[in-house]
Protein backbone atom coordinates (compact mmCIF):
# COMPACT_ATOMS: atom_id res chain seq x y z
CA MET A 1 185.78 81.45 130.09
CA LYS A 2 183.04 84.05 130.43
CA GLY A 3 180.36 81.42 129.98
CA VAL A 4 178.37 79.39 127.51
CA LEU A 5 174.84 79.49 126.16
CA LEU A 6 172.95 76.21 126.14
CA ASP A 7 170.69 75.75 123.15
CA THR A 8 167.11 74.84 123.99
CA ASN A 9 167.56 71.31 122.62
CA ILE A 10 170.27 70.50 125.17
CA VAL A 11 168.00 71.20 128.13
CA LEU A 12 165.04 69.46 126.52
CA ASP A 13 167.15 66.39 125.71
CA PHE A 14 167.85 66.05 129.41
CA ALA A 15 164.40 67.01 130.70
CA LEU A 16 162.56 64.70 128.32
CA GLU A 17 165.20 61.96 128.57
CA ARG A 18 165.45 61.76 124.80
CA ARG A 19 167.03 58.36 124.33
CA GLU A 20 169.69 59.20 121.81
CA PHE A 21 170.79 62.47 123.46
CA PHE A 22 170.04 62.08 127.17
CA GLU A 23 173.39 60.74 128.40
CA LYS A 24 175.48 63.51 126.81
CA SER A 25 173.14 66.26 127.97
CA LYS A 26 173.17 64.79 131.49
CA GLU A 27 176.98 64.57 131.51
CA LEU A 28 177.22 68.14 130.24
CA LEU A 29 174.87 69.55 132.86
CA LEU A 30 176.61 67.63 135.65
CA LEU A 31 180.01 68.99 134.57
CA ILE A 32 178.68 72.54 134.32
CA ASN A 33 177.31 72.23 137.83
CA GLU A 34 180.38 70.52 139.32
CA LEU A 35 182.94 72.81 137.67
CA LYS A 36 180.85 75.94 138.26
CA ILE A 37 180.99 76.88 134.58
CA PRO A 38 178.88 79.98 133.95
CA ALA A 39 176.06 78.71 131.75
CA PHE A 40 173.00 80.46 130.41
CA VAL A 41 169.77 79.88 128.56
CA THR A 42 167.80 82.72 127.03
CA ALA A 43 164.56 83.95 128.53
CA THR A 44 162.80 82.71 125.40
CA THR A 45 164.29 79.27 125.95
CA VAL A 46 162.66 79.18 129.39
CA THR A 47 159.22 79.76 127.90
CA ASP A 48 159.86 77.15 125.20
CA ILE A 49 161.00 74.59 127.77
CA TYR A 50 157.99 75.28 129.98
CA TYR A 51 155.56 74.95 127.09
CA ILE A 52 157.06 71.71 125.74
CA LEU A 53 157.81 70.05 129.08
CA LYS A 54 154.40 70.86 130.57
CA LYS A 55 152.72 68.79 127.85
CA SER A 56 154.39 65.59 129.06
CA LYS A 57 155.28 66.30 132.71
CA GLY A 58 152.53 68.67 133.85
CA HIS A 59 152.83 72.09 135.46
CA ASP A 60 154.18 71.09 138.89
CA LEU A 61 156.99 68.86 137.62
CA THR A 62 157.90 71.42 134.97
CA VAL A 63 158.14 74.22 137.52
CA SER A 64 160.18 72.00 139.83
CA PHE A 65 162.56 71.09 136.98
CA LEU A 66 163.05 74.73 135.99
CA LYS A 67 163.69 75.84 139.56
CA GLY A 68 166.31 73.10 139.93
CA LEU A 69 167.91 74.08 136.65
CA PHE A 70 168.21 77.68 137.78
CA ASP A 71 170.22 76.60 140.81
CA PHE A 72 173.22 76.44 138.46
CA ILE A 73 172.11 77.90 135.10
CA ASP A 74 171.48 81.62 134.63
CA ILE A 75 169.02 83.35 132.33
CA CYS A 76 170.21 85.60 129.53
CA GLY A 77 167.87 88.45 128.74
CA VAL A 78 166.34 89.08 125.35
CA ASN A 79 166.09 92.73 124.38
CA LYS A 80 165.01 94.90 121.50
CA LYS A 81 168.50 94.98 119.98
CA SER A 82 168.86 91.19 119.96
CA ILE A 83 165.36 90.80 118.46
CA LEU A 84 166.06 93.37 115.72
CA ASN A 85 169.42 91.76 114.96
CA ALA A 86 167.68 88.38 114.72
CA LEU A 87 165.02 89.76 112.41
CA ASN A 88 167.66 91.30 110.14
CA SER A 89 169.95 88.27 110.15
CA GLU A 90 170.57 85.49 107.67
CA PHE A 91 169.46 82.82 110.16
CA HIS A 92 166.86 80.39 108.86
CA ASP A 93 165.41 79.87 112.34
CA PHE A 94 164.31 82.97 114.24
CA GLU A 95 164.59 81.33 117.68
CA ASP A 96 168.19 80.31 117.02
CA ALA A 97 168.97 83.85 115.85
CA VAL A 98 167.49 85.30 119.04
CA GLN A 99 169.60 82.93 121.14
CA SER A 100 172.77 83.79 119.24
CA PHE A 101 172.33 87.56 119.40
CA SER A 102 171.22 87.48 123.04
CA ALA A 103 174.35 85.52 123.96
CA PHE A 104 176.51 87.95 122.02
CA GLU A 105 174.86 90.90 123.80
CA ILE A 106 176.09 89.70 127.20
CA GLY A 107 179.57 88.81 125.95
CA LEU A 108 179.27 85.05 125.65
CA LYS A 109 181.58 83.44 123.10
CA THR A 110 180.19 79.90 122.85
CA ILE A 111 176.91 78.16 122.15
CA ILE A 112 176.56 74.48 123.01
CA THR A 113 174.13 72.78 120.67
CA ARG A 114 173.71 69.45 118.97
CA ASN A 115 172.49 71.28 115.86
CA VAL A 116 175.61 73.22 114.90
CA SER A 117 174.34 73.83 111.36
CA ASP A 118 171.38 75.79 112.78
CA PHE A 119 173.83 78.42 114.00
CA LYS A 120 176.07 78.61 110.94
CA ASN A 121 175.35 82.36 110.66
CA SER A 122 176.39 83.00 114.25
CA ASN A 123 179.62 84.76 115.06
CA LEU A 124 180.01 82.66 118.21
CA ASN A 125 181.92 79.42 118.72
CA LEU A 126 179.69 76.40 118.20
CA LEU A 127 180.31 73.19 120.10
CA THR A 128 178.36 70.01 120.49
CA PRO A 129 178.02 68.61 124.01
CA SER A 130 180.51 65.86 123.13
CA ILE A 131 183.16 68.28 121.92
CA PHE A 132 182.66 70.61 124.88
CA ILE A 133 182.96 67.71 127.33
CA GLN A 134 186.06 66.44 125.53
CA GLN A 135 187.69 69.88 125.73
CA LEU A 136 186.95 70.08 129.46
CA LYS A 137 188.65 66.74 130.03
CA GLU A 138 191.81 67.65 128.10
């Protein structure tokens, strides 16, 4: 496995302890860390997480969270090619398109998201946290 891209919502579910999604996102991140699975978020995801998390947790806690996250999650660059591909794509959500094309650019094959339908125009494998965890345990 070359690695997986984590959709922004997965990280935010954990960071914000979103009731309905927290446990699965926590289990997923723990497994990624324990099993040393190469996992990435895009550079644009980092700015989104910072912006959203800072509103409820403040700057210091947000920075601390992100630094801890980057102990075991890497950052996937966003470049001109991925942006142009996203702009020319059939995606309904530009941010999701950028994530998909950025992951593809570095050779990733899988996106983990709880909103699989948002990535229906992606040429990558789409897995929910539950399905990914289940596959790891098989």
